[in-house]
Amino acid sequence: MKAVLKASTAIFAVLIVVFTMINVHELGHTLVARYCGDASAYYRLFELRPNGSWCIGCNSYQAAGLPFGCRLLVPLGGLLATQFVALLLFYPAAKLTRFRWFWRLALGVFLLDAAVQVFHALIVPVQGMQVESGTDLADVVWLLAGWYSIEPLILKWLLVGILLIYYTMIFIGLRAWEKTT
């Protein structure tokens, strides 16, 4: 019975943390769009659409009306939001002993968003795109490739390199912080 309770608690914790991460990510897009001047940008916790589809953590903004810099920032807003929260989770994940498993789970899920976004950028074919796809880092690659006439594949590999450096820094930082306990 104790094992079932532990497993149920773990599953519930994963669902809560993933749900929270998705919503922080989507809210990040909306806040950056609003900051950039898109008064029509909105965020909804849940949305049932007229065609029968639905989404959790929905955001909407008008990319076409934004200046180039903001068209780059809005797709990055979700990732920046989740990584900011991940940095805030460093302290409880490294220092708190009570519910340490939960804080480490939350840190891992929020950090995983960076890898998910890079993976999406790698699999979305940006050649031939005419407008933003709604896939965060793929849109950044598309915008930068068009603006600077850089081959998208080079930008995609650059994202992989940045991700590896970022995760290495996080790992080294977390290990160093744990040793000071």
N, C-alpha and C. Protein backbone atom coordinates (compact mmCIF):
# COMPACT_ATOMS: atom_id res chain seq x y z
N MET A 1 0.82 -1.20 0.00
CA MET A 1 0.00 0.00 0.00
C MET A 1 0.87 1.26 0.00
N LYS A 2 1.98 1.20 0.74
CA LYS A 2 2.88 2.34 0.81
C LYS A 2 3.51 2.63 -0.55
N ALA A 3 3.82 1.59 -1.30
CA ALA A 3 4.42 1.74 -2.63
C ALA A 3 3.43 2.40 -3.59
N VAL A 4 2.16 2.03 -3.48
CA VAL A 4 1.13 2.62 -4.34
C VAL A 4 0.98 4.11 -4.03
N LEU A 5 1.00 4.44 -2.75
CA LEU A 5 0.90 5.84 -2.35
C LEU A 5 2.09 6.65 -2.86
N LYS A 6 3.29 6.08 -2.75
CA LYS A 6 4.49 6.77 -3.25
C LYS A 6 4.42 6.96 -4.77
N ALA A 7 4.00 5.92 -5.47
CA ALA A 7 3.89 6.01 -6.93
C ALA A 7 2.84 7.03 -7.34
N SER A 8 1.71 7.03 -6.65
CA SER A 8 0.65 7.99 -6.94
C SER A 8 1.12 9.42 -6.68
N THR A 9 1.84 9.61 -5.60
CA THR A 9 2.38 10.93 -5.27
C THR A 9 3.36 11.38 -6.34
N ALA A 10 4.21 10.50 -6.79
CA ALA A 10 5.20 10.83 -7.81
C ALA A 10 4.52 11.20 -9.13
N ILE A 11 3.54 10.43 -9.53
CA ILE A 11 2.82 10.71 -10.78
C ILE A 11 2.10 12.05 -10.68
N PHE A 12 1.43 12.29 -9.57
CA PHE A 12 0.74 13.56 -9.36
C PHE A 12 1.73 14.73 -9.39
N ALA A 13 2.89 14.56 -8.78
CA ALA A 13 3.91 15.62 -8.76
C ALA A 13 4.41 15.92 -10.17
N VAL A 14 4.66 14.87 -10.95
CA VAL A 14 5.12 15.07 -12.33
C VAL A 14 4.07 15.84 -13.13
N LEU A 15 2.80 15.45 -13.00
CA LEU A 15 1.73 16.14 -13.73
C LEU A 15 1.63 17.61 -13.33
N ILE A 16 1.70 17.89 -12.04
CA ILE A 16 1.62 19.28 -11.57
C ILE A 16 2.80 20.09 -12.08
N VAL A 17 4.00 19.54 -12.01
CA VAL A 17 5.19 20.28 -12.44
C VAL A 17 5.17 20.51 -13.95
N VAL A 18 4.81 19.50 -14.72
CA VAL A 18 4.75 19.67 -16.18
C VAL A 18 3.68 20.70 -16.56
N PHE A 19 2.51 20.60 -15.93
CA PHE A 19 1.44 21.58 -16.17
C PHE A 19 1.91 23.00 -15.85
N THR A 20 2.59 23.16 -14.74
CA THR A 20 3.10 24.47 -14.33
C THR A 20 4.14 24.97 -15.32
N MET A 21 5.06 24.10 -15.74
CA MET A 21 6.10 24.51 -16.68
C MET A 21 5.49 24.96 -18.00
N ILE A 22 4.53 24.21 -18.52
CA ILE A 22 3.89 24.58 -19.79
C ILE A 22 3.25 25.96 -19.68
N ASN A 23 2.56 26.20 -18.58
CA ASN A 23 1.88 27.48 -18.41
C ASN A 23 2.85 28.63 -18.20
N VAL A 24 3.93 28.41 -17.47
CA VAL A 24 4.96 29.45 -17.32
C VAL A 24 5.55 29.77 -18.69
N HIS A 25 5.81 28.74 -19.48
CA HIS A 25 6.38 28.92 -20.82
C HIS A 25 5.45 29.78 -21.69
N GLU A 26 4.20 29.41 -21.75
CA GLU A 26 3.25 30.14 -22.60
C GLU A 26 2.98 31.55 -22.09
N LEU A 27 2.93 31.70 -20.78
CA LEU A 27 2.75 33.03 -20.20
C LEU A 27 3.95 33.92 -20.55
N GLY A 28 5.13 33.33 -20.61
CA GLY A 28 6.33 34.09 -20.99
C GLY A 28 6.20 34.70 -22.38
N HIS A 29 5.67 33.94 -23.33
CA HIS A 29 5.44 34.49 -24.67
C HIS A 29 4.50 35.70 -24.62
N THR A 30 3.41 35.55 -23.89
CA THR A 30 2.40 36.60 -23.82
C THR A 30 2.96 37.86 -23.17
N LEU A 31 3.70 37.71 -22.08
CA LEU A 31 4.27 38.87 -21.41
C LEU A 31 5.25 39.62 -22.30
N VAL A 32 6.08 38.89 -23.04
CA VAL A 32 7.03 39.55 -23.94
C VAL A 32 6.29 40.24 -25.08
N ALA A 33 5.25 39.60 -25.62
CA ALA A 33 4.46 40.22 -26.70
C ALA A 33 3.81 41.51 -26.20
N ARG A 34 3.27 41.46 -24.98
CA ARG A 34 2.68 42.67 -24.40
C ARG A 34 3.74 43.76 -24.21
N TYR A 35 4.90 43.37 -23.70
CA TYR A 35 6.00 44.31 -23.50
C TYR A 35 6.40 44.95 -24.83
N CYS A 36 6.36 44.18 -25.88
CA CYS A 36 6.73 44.68 -27.21
C CYS A 36 5.63 45.51 -27.87
N GLY A 37 4.50 45.63 -27.22
CA GLY A 37 3.46 46.53 -27.73
C GLY A 37 2.26 45.87 -28.36
N ASP A 38 2.17 44.56 -28.33
CA ASP A 38 1.00 43.89 -28.90
C ASP A 38 -0.10 43.83 -27.84
N ALA A 39 -1.00 44.80 -27.89
CA ALA A 39 -2.08 44.89 -26.90
C ALA A 39 -3.08 43.75 -27.06
N SER A 40 -3.08 43.08 -28.21
CA SER A 40 -4.03 41.99 -28.43
C SER A 40 -3.51 40.65 -27.90
N ALA A 41 -2.25 40.60 -27.47
CA ALA A 41 -1.68 39.35 -26.97
C ALA A 41 -2.44 38.89 -25.73
N TYR A 42 -2.76 37.60 -25.69
CA TYR A 42 -3.46 37.08 -24.51
C TYR A 42 -2.96 35.69 -24.15
N TYR A 43 -3.27 35.32 -22.92
CA TYR A 43 -2.93 34.01 -22.36
C TYR A 43 -4.17 33.45 -21.71
N ARG A 44 -4.40 32.16 -21.91
CA ARG A 44 -5.51 31.48 -21.24
C ARG A 44 -4.99 30.17 -20.68
N LEU A 45 -5.44 29.84 -19.49
CA LEU A 45 -5.05 28.58 -18.86
C LEU A 45 -5.55 27.39 -19.67
N PHE A 46 -6.77 27.51 -20.19
CA PHE A 46 -7.37 26.45 -21.00
C PHE A 46 -8.25 27.10 -22.05
N GLU A 47 -8.24 26.54 -23.25
CA GLU A 47 -9.07 27.10 -24.31
C GLU A 47 -9.65 25.98 -25.15
N LEU A 48 -10.96 26.02 -25.31
CA LEU A 48 -11.66 25.10 -26.21
C LEU A 48 -11.96 25.90 -27.47
N ARG A 49 -11.45 25.43 -28.59
CA ARG A 49 -11.56 26.18 -29.84
C ARG A 49 -12.80 25.75 -30.63
N PRO A 50 -13.28 26.65 -31.51
CA PRO A 50 -14.50 26.34 -32.28
C PRO A 50 -14.41 25.07 -33.13
N ASN A 51 -13.19 24.71 -33.57
CA ASN A 51 -13.05 23.51 -34.40
C ASN A 51 -13.00 22.22 -33.57
N GLY A 52 -13.17 22.35 -32.25
CA GLY A 52 -13.18 21.18 -31.38
C GLY A 52 -11.83 20.88 -30.73
N SER A 53 -10.77 21.53 -31.20
CA SER A 53 -9.46 21.31 -30.59
C SER A 53 -9.39 22.11 -29.28
N TRP A 54 -8.38 21.82 -28.49
CA TRP A 54 -8.22 22.51 -27.22
C TRP A 54 -6.74 22.68 -26.93
N CYS A 55 -6.44 23.55 -26.00
CA CYS A 55 -5.04 23.70 -25.58
C CYS A 55 -4.99 24.08 -24.11
N ILE A 56 -3.89 23.70 -23.50
CA ILE A 56 -3.60 24.06 -22.11
C ILE A 56 -2.47 25.07 -22.15
N GLY A 57 -2.65 26.18 -21.48
CA GLY A 57 -1.63 27.22 -21.51
C GLY A 57 -1.55 27.82 -22.89
N CYS A 58 -2.60 28.49 -23.32
CA CYS A 58 -2.68 29.02 -24.68
C CYS A 58 -2.23 30.47 -24.70
N ASN A 59 -1.48 30.82 -25.74
CA ASN A 59 -1.14 32.23 -25.93
C ASN A 59 -1.38 32.59 -27.37
N SER A 60 -1.67 33.85 -27.59
CA SER A 60 -1.88 34.34 -28.94
C SER A 60 -1.32 35.74 -29.03
N TYR A 61 -0.63 36.01 -30.13
CA TYR A 61 -0.10 37.34 -30.38
C TYR A 61 0.02 37.53 -31.88
N GLN A 62 0.17 38.78 -32.31
CA GLN A 62 0.26 39.12 -33.72
C GLN A 62 1.71 39.41 -34.08
N ALA A 63 2.43 38.40 -34.57
CA ALA A 63 3.85 38.56 -34.89
C ALA A 63 4.07 39.55 -36.03
N ALA A 64 3.16 39.56 -36.98
CA ALA A 64 3.35 40.39 -38.18
C ALA A 64 3.46 41.88 -37.84
N GLY A 65 2.82 42.33 -36.80
CA GLY A 65 2.85 43.74 -36.46
C GLY A 65 4.02 44.17 -35.59
N LEU A 66 4.87 43.22 -35.21
CA LEU A 66 5.97 43.53 -34.30
C LEU A 66 7.25 43.86 -35.07
N PRO A 67 8.10 44.73 -34.52
CA PRO A 67 9.40 44.96 -35.14
C PRO A 67 10.27 43.70 -35.07
N PHE A 68 11.33 43.66 -35.89
CA PHE A 68 12.16 42.45 -36.01
C PHE A 68 12.67 41.95 -34.66
N GLY A 69 13.20 42.86 -33.82
CA GLY A 69 13.74 42.45 -32.52
C GLY A 69 12.69 41.77 -31.65
N CYS A 70 11.49 42.29 -31.69
CA CYS A 70 10.40 41.69 -30.90
C CYS A 70 9.94 40.38 -31.52
N ARG A 71 10.01 40.27 -32.83
CA ARG A 71 9.66 38.99 -33.47
C ARG A 71 10.64 37.90 -33.05
N LEU A 72 11.86 38.28 -32.68
CA LEU A 72 12.83 37.33 -32.14
C LEU A 72 12.57 37.06 -30.66
N LEU A 73 12.24 38.12 -29.92
CA LEU A 73 12.08 38.00 -28.47
C LEU A 73 10.84 37.21 -28.05
N VAL A 74 9.73 37.41 -28.75
CA VAL A 74 8.49 36.73 -28.33
C VAL A 74 8.64 35.21 -28.38
N PRO A 75 9.18 34.61 -29.46
CA PRO A 75 9.37 33.16 -29.43
C PRO A 75 10.35 32.70 -28.34
N LEU A 76 11.27 33.58 -27.96
CA LEU A 76 12.22 33.23 -26.89
C LEU A 76 11.62 33.44 -25.50
N GLY A 77 10.52 34.19 -25.42
CA GLY A 77 9.93 34.53 -24.12
C GLY A 77 9.55 33.34 -23.27
N GLY A 78 9.00 32.30 -23.89
CA GLY A 78 8.62 31.11 -23.13
C GLY A 78 9.83 30.40 -22.55
N LEU A 79 10.84 30.23 -23.36
CA LEU A 79 12.07 29.57 -22.91
C LEU A 79 12.77 30.40 -21.83
N LEU A 80 12.82 31.70 -22.02
CA LEU A 80 13.44 32.57 -21.01
C LEU A 80 12.69 32.48 -19.68
N ALA A 81 11.36 32.40 -19.75
CA ALA A 81 10.56 32.30 -18.52
C ALA A 81 10.83 30.99 -17.79
N THR A 82 10.86 29.87 -18.52
CA THR A 82 11.09 28.59 -17.84
C THR A 82 12.50 28.50 -17.29
N GLN A 83 13.47 29.06 -17.99
CA GLN A 83 14.84 28.98 -17.50
C GLN A 83 15.06 29.92 -16.32
N PHE A 84 14.32 31.03 -16.27
CA PHE A 84 14.37 31.90 -15.10
C PHE A 84 13.83 31.16 -13.87
N VAL A 85 12.71 30.48 -14.04
CA VAL A 85 12.15 29.70 -12.94
C VAL A 85 13.12 28.58 -12.54
N ALA A 86 13.76 27.96 -13.52
CA ALA A 86 14.74 26.91 -13.21
C ALA A 86 15.85 27.46 -12.33
N LEU A 87 16.32 28.65 -12.64
CA LEU A 87 17.37 29.26 -11.81
C LEU A 87 16.86 29.53 -10.39
N LEU A 88 15.60 29.91 -10.26
CA LEU A 88 15.02 30.11 -8.93
C LEU A 88 14.91 28.78 -8.17
N LEU A 89 14.77 27.69 -8.90
CA LEU A 89 14.65 26.37 -8.27
C LEU A 89 15.99 25.79 -7.82
N PHE A 90 17.09 26.45 -8.21
CA PHE A 90 18.41 25.96 -7.81
C PHE A 90 18.53 25.85 -6.29
N TYR A 91 18.10 26.89 -5.58
CA TYR A 91 18.28 26.89 -4.12
C TYR A 91 17.55 25.72 -3.47
N PRO A 92 16.23 25.58 -3.68
CA PRO A 92 15.59 24.44 -3.01
C PRO A 92 16.11 23.09 -3.47
N ALA A 93 16.49 22.98 -4.75
CA ALA A 93 16.98 21.69 -5.25
C ALA A 93 18.33 21.32 -4.64
N ALA A 94 19.13 22.32 -4.33
CA ALA A 94 20.48 22.04 -3.81
C ALA A 94 20.53 22.09 -2.29
N LYS A 95 19.73 22.93 -1.67
CA LYS A 95 19.90 23.19 -0.24
C LYS A 95 18.83 22.60 0.68
N LEU A 96 17.61 22.52 0.21
CA LEU A 96 16.55 22.05 1.10
C LEU A 96 16.55 20.53 1.17
N THR A 97 16.40 20.01 2.35
CA THR A 97 16.36 18.56 2.50
C THR A 97 14.91 18.06 2.49
N ARG A 98 13.99 18.89 2.93
CA ARG A 98 12.58 18.50 2.93
C ARG A 98 12.04 18.59 1.50
N PHE A 99 11.47 17.52 1.02
CA PHE A 99 10.92 17.43 -0.33
C PHE A 99 11.96 17.68 -1.42
N ARG A 100 13.19 17.33 -1.12
CA ARG A 100 14.26 17.55 -2.11
C ARG A 100 13.92 16.86 -3.43
N TRP A 101 13.33 15.69 -3.40
CA TRP A 101 12.97 14.98 -4.63
C TRP A 101 12.05 15.82 -5.49
N PHE A 102 11.12 16.54 -4.85
CA PHE A 102 10.18 17.37 -5.60
C PHE A 102 10.89 18.55 -6.24
N TRP A 103 11.75 19.22 -5.48
CA TRP A 103 12.46 20.38 -6.01
C TRP A 103 13.38 19.98 -7.16
N ARG A 104 13.99 18.82 -7.04
CA ARG A 104 14.86 18.34 -8.13
C ARG A 104 14.04 17.94 -9.36
N LEU A 105 12.89 17.36 -9.12
CA LEU A 105 11.99 17.05 -10.23
C LEU A 105 11.59 18.34 -10.95
N ALA A 106 11.18 19.34 -10.19
CA ALA A 106 10.77 20.61 -10.78
C ALA A 106 11.92 21.25 -11.55
N LEU A 107 13.10 21.26 -10.96
CA LEU A 107 14.28 21.82 -11.64
C LEU A 107 14.53 21.07 -12.94
N GLY A 108 14.49 19.76 -12.90
CA GLY A 108 14.73 18.96 -14.10
C GLY A 108 13.71 19.21 -15.20
N VAL A 109 12.44 19.31 -14.84
CA VAL A 109 11.39 19.54 -15.83
C VAL A 109 11.55 20.92 -16.46
N PHE A 110 11.81 21.93 -15.64
CA PHE A 110 11.98 23.28 -16.19
C PHE A 110 13.23 23.38 -17.05
N LEU A 111 14.31 22.71 -16.65
CA LEU A 111 15.52 22.71 -17.47
C LEU A 111 15.29 21.93 -18.77
N LEU A 112 14.48 20.90 -18.72
CA LEU A 112 14.22 20.08 -19.90
C LEU A 112 13.55 20.88 -21.02
N ASP A 113 12.87 21.95 -20.68
CA ASP A 113 12.22 22.77 -21.70
C ASP A 113 13.23 23.26 -22.74
N ALA A 114 14.45 23.57 -22.32
CA ALA A 114 15.46 24.04 -23.28
C ALA A 114 15.76 22.95 -24.31
N ALA A 115 15.92 21.72 -23.87
CA ALA A 115 16.21 20.62 -24.80
C ALA A 115 15.02 20.36 -25.72
N VAL A 116 13.82 20.44 -25.18
CA VAL A 116 12.62 20.23 -26.00
C VAL A 116 12.54 21.30 -27.09
N GLN A 117 12.81 22.54 -26.74
CA GLN A 117 12.74 23.62 -27.72
C GLN A 117 13.82 23.46 -28.80
N VAL A 118 15.02 23.07 -28.42
CA VAL A 118 16.08 22.85 -29.41
C VAL A 118 15.70 21.67 -30.31
N PHE A 119 15.16 20.60 -29.73
CA PHE A 119 14.73 19.45 -30.53
C PHE A 119 13.68 19.87 -31.56
N HIS A 120 12.71 20.65 -31.12
CA HIS A 120 11.69 21.14 -32.06
C HIS A 120 12.32 21.94 -33.19
N ALA A 121 13.28 22.79 -32.85
CA ALA A 121 13.96 23.59 -33.88
C ALA A 121 14.69 22.70 -34.88
N LEU A 122 15.25 21.60 -34.39
CA LEU A 122 15.99 20.70 -35.27
C LEU A 122 15.08 19.96 -36.26
N ILE A 123 13.88 19.62 -35.84
CA ILE A 123 13.02 18.80 -36.71
C ILE A 123 12.10 19.62 -37.62
N VAL A 124 11.92 20.90 -37.35
CA VAL A 124 11.05 21.72 -38.19
C VAL A 124 11.85 22.21 -39.40
N PRO A 125 11.38 21.91 -40.61
CA PRO A 125 12.09 22.38 -41.81
C PRO A 125 11.80 23.87 -42.04
N VAL A 126 12.80 24.72 -41.81
CA VAL A 126 12.57 26.17 -41.92
C VAL A 126 12.74 26.68 -43.35
N GLN A 127 13.44 25.92 -44.20
CA GLN A 127 13.54 26.35 -45.59
C GLN A 127 12.15 26.36 -46.21
N GLY A 128 11.84 27.43 -46.89
CA GLY A 128 10.55 27.54 -47.55
C GLY A 128 9.45 28.11 -46.68
N MET A 129 9.71 28.34 -45.39
CA MET A 129 8.68 28.95 -44.54
C MET A 129 8.43 30.38 -45.00
N GLN A 130 7.18 30.79 -45.00
CA GLN A 130 6.83 32.16 -45.38
C GLN A 130 6.49 33.03 -44.18
N VAL A 131 5.98 32.40 -43.14
CA VAL A 131 5.64 33.10 -41.89
C VAL A 131 6.07 32.22 -40.73
N GLU A 132 6.04 32.79 -39.53
CA GLU A 132 6.40 32.03 -38.34
C GLU A 132 5.53 30.78 -38.22
N SER A 133 6.15 29.71 -37.76
CA SER A 133 5.47 28.42 -37.65
C SER A 133 4.77 28.23 -36.31
N GLY A 134 5.16 29.04 -35.33
CA GLY A 134 4.65 28.84 -33.98
C GLY A 134 5.53 27.89 -33.17
N THR A 135 6.60 27.42 -33.78
CA THR A 135 7.57 26.57 -33.08
C THR A 135 8.73 27.48 -32.69
N ASP A 136 8.86 27.75 -31.41
CA ASP A 136 9.67 28.84 -30.88
C ASP A 136 11.05 29.01 -31.52
N LEU A 137 11.95 28.08 -31.28
CA LEU A 137 13.31 28.27 -31.77
C LEU A 137 13.42 28.06 -33.27
N ALA A 138 12.51 27.30 -33.87
CA ALA A 138 12.49 27.19 -35.33
C ALA A 138 12.18 28.56 -35.94
N ASP A 139 11.29 29.30 -35.31
CA ASP A 139 10.98 30.65 -35.79
C ASP A 139 12.19 31.58 -35.65
N VAL A 140 12.91 31.44 -34.56
CA VAL A 140 14.12 32.25 -34.36
C VAL A 140 15.15 31.90 -35.44
N VAL A 141 15.33 30.62 -35.71
CA VAL A 141 16.27 30.19 -36.77
C VAL A 141 15.82 30.77 -38.11
N TRP A 142 14.53 30.67 -38.42
CA TRP A 142 14.00 31.18 -39.69
C TRP A 142 14.23 32.69 -39.82
N LEU A 143 13.93 33.43 -38.76
CA LEU A 143 14.13 34.88 -38.80
C LEU A 143 15.60 35.25 -38.98
N LEU A 144 16.48 34.62 -38.20
CA LEU A 144 17.91 34.93 -38.28
C LEU A 144 18.51 34.50 -39.62
N ALA A 145 18.09 33.34 -40.12
CA ALA A 145 18.60 32.86 -41.41
C ALA A 145 18.22 33.83 -42.53
N GLY A 146 17.00 34.31 -42.48
CA GLY A 146 16.55 35.25 -43.51
C GLY A 146 17.19 36.62 -43.38
N TRP A 147 17.32 37.09 -42.16
CA TRP A 147 17.85 38.43 -41.91
C TRP A 147 19.34 38.51 -42.22
N TYR A 148 20.09 37.49 -41.81
CA TYR A 148 21.54 37.51 -41.96
C TYR A 148 22.06 36.62 -43.08
N SER A 149 21.16 36.00 -43.83
CA SER A 149 21.54 35.10 -44.93
C SER A 149 22.50 34.00 -44.46
N ILE A 150 22.13 33.37 -43.35
CA ILE A 150 22.90 32.26 -42.80
C ILE A 150 22.14 30.97 -43.08
N GLU A 151 22.86 29.93 -43.40
CA GLU A 151 22.24 28.62 -43.63
C GLU A 151 21.55 28.17 -42.33
N PRO A 152 20.26 27.82 -42.37
CA PRO A 152 19.55 27.39 -41.16
C PRO A 152 20.21 26.24 -40.42
N LEU A 153 20.82 25.31 -41.15
CA LEU A 153 21.46 24.18 -40.50
C LEU A 153 22.60 24.63 -39.58
N ILE A 154 23.32 25.66 -39.97
CA ILE A 154 24.39 26.20 -39.13
C ILE A 154 23.79 26.75 -37.84
N LEU A 155 22.69 27.48 -37.95
CA LEU A 155 22.03 28.03 -36.77
C LEU A 155 21.49 26.93 -35.86
N LYS A 156 20.98 25.87 -36.46
CA LYS A 156 20.46 24.75 -35.66
C LYS A 156 21.59 24.07 -34.88
N TRP A 157 22.73 23.87 -35.50
CA TRP A 157 23.86 23.27 -34.79
C TRP A 157 24.40 24.22 -33.73
N LEU A 158 24.31 25.51 -34.00
CA LEU A 158 24.70 26.50 -32.99
C LEU A 158 23.80 26.38 -31.76
N LEU A 159 22.51 26.17 -31.98
CA LEU A 159 21.58 25.95 -30.86
C LEU A 159 21.99 24.73 -30.04
N VAL A 160 22.36 23.65 -30.71
CA VAL A 160 22.79 22.43 -30.00
C VAL A 160 24.02 22.74 -29.15
N GLY A 161 24.98 23.47 -29.72
CA GLY A 161 26.19 23.83 -28.98
C GLY A 161 25.88 24.69 -27.77
N ILE A 162 25.00 25.68 -27.95
CA ILE A 162 24.60 26.55 -26.83
C ILE A 162 23.92 25.72 -25.74
N LEU A 163 23.06 24.80 -26.15
CA LEU A 163 22.37 23.94 -25.18
C LEU A 163 23.36 23.11 -24.38
N LEU A 164 24.33 22.52 -25.04
CA LEU A 164 25.33 21.70 -24.34
C LEU A 164 26.15 22.54 -23.36
N ILE A 165 26.54 23.72 -23.77
CA ILE A 165 27.28 24.62 -22.88
C ILE A 165 26.41 25.02 -21.69
N TYR A 166 25.16 25.34 -21.95
CA TYR A 166 24.22 25.74 -20.90
C TYR A 166 24.04 24.61 -19.88
N TYR A 167 23.78 23.39 -20.36
CA TYR A 167 23.59 22.27 -19.44
C TYR A 167 24.87 21.95 -18.67
N THR A 168 26.01 22.09 -19.30
CA THR A 168 27.28 21.86 -18.60
C THR A 168 27.44 22.87 -17.47
N MET A 169 27.14 24.13 -17.76
CA MET A 169 27.24 25.18 -16.72
C MET A 169 26.28 24.91 -15.58
N ILE A 170 25.06 24.50 -15.90
CA ILE A 170 24.06 24.19 -14.87
C ILE A 170 24.55 23.03 -14.00
N PHE A 171 25.03 21.98 -14.62
CA PHE A 171 25.50 20.80 -13.89
C PHE A 171 26.67 21.17 -12.97
N ILE A 172 27.63 21.90 -13.49
CA ILE A 172 28.80 22.31 -12.68
C ILE A 172 28.34 23.21 -11.52
N GLY A 173 27.44 24.13 -11.81
CA GLY A 173 26.94 25.04 -10.77
C GLY A 173 26.18 24.31 -9.68
N LEU A 174 25.35 23.37 -10.07
CA LEU A 174 24.57 22.62 -9.08
C LEU A 174 25.48 21.75 -8.21
N ARG A 175 26.46 21.11 -8.83
CA ARG A 175 27.42 20.29 -8.06
C ARG A 175 28.22 21.15 -7.08
N ALA A 176 28.68 22.30 -7.54
CA ALA A 176 29.46 23.19 -6.67
C ALA A 176 28.61 23.69 -5.51
N TRP A 177 27.35 24.00 -5.78
CA TRP A 177 26.47 24.50 -4.72
C TRP A 177 26.14 23.40 -3.72
N GLU A 178 25.97 22.19 -4.19
CA GLU A 178 25.69 21.07 -3.28
C GLU A 178 26.86 20.81 -2.34
N LYS A 179 28.09 21.00 -2.82
CA LYS A 179 29.28 20.74 -2.00
C LYS A 179 29.44 21.74 -0.87
N THR A 180 28.78 22.90 -0.97
CA THR A 180 28.89 23.89 0.10
C THR A 180 27.94 23.62 1.25
N THR A 181 27.15 22.55 1.13
CA THR A 181 26.19 22.21 2.19
C THR A 181 26.89 21.58 3.37
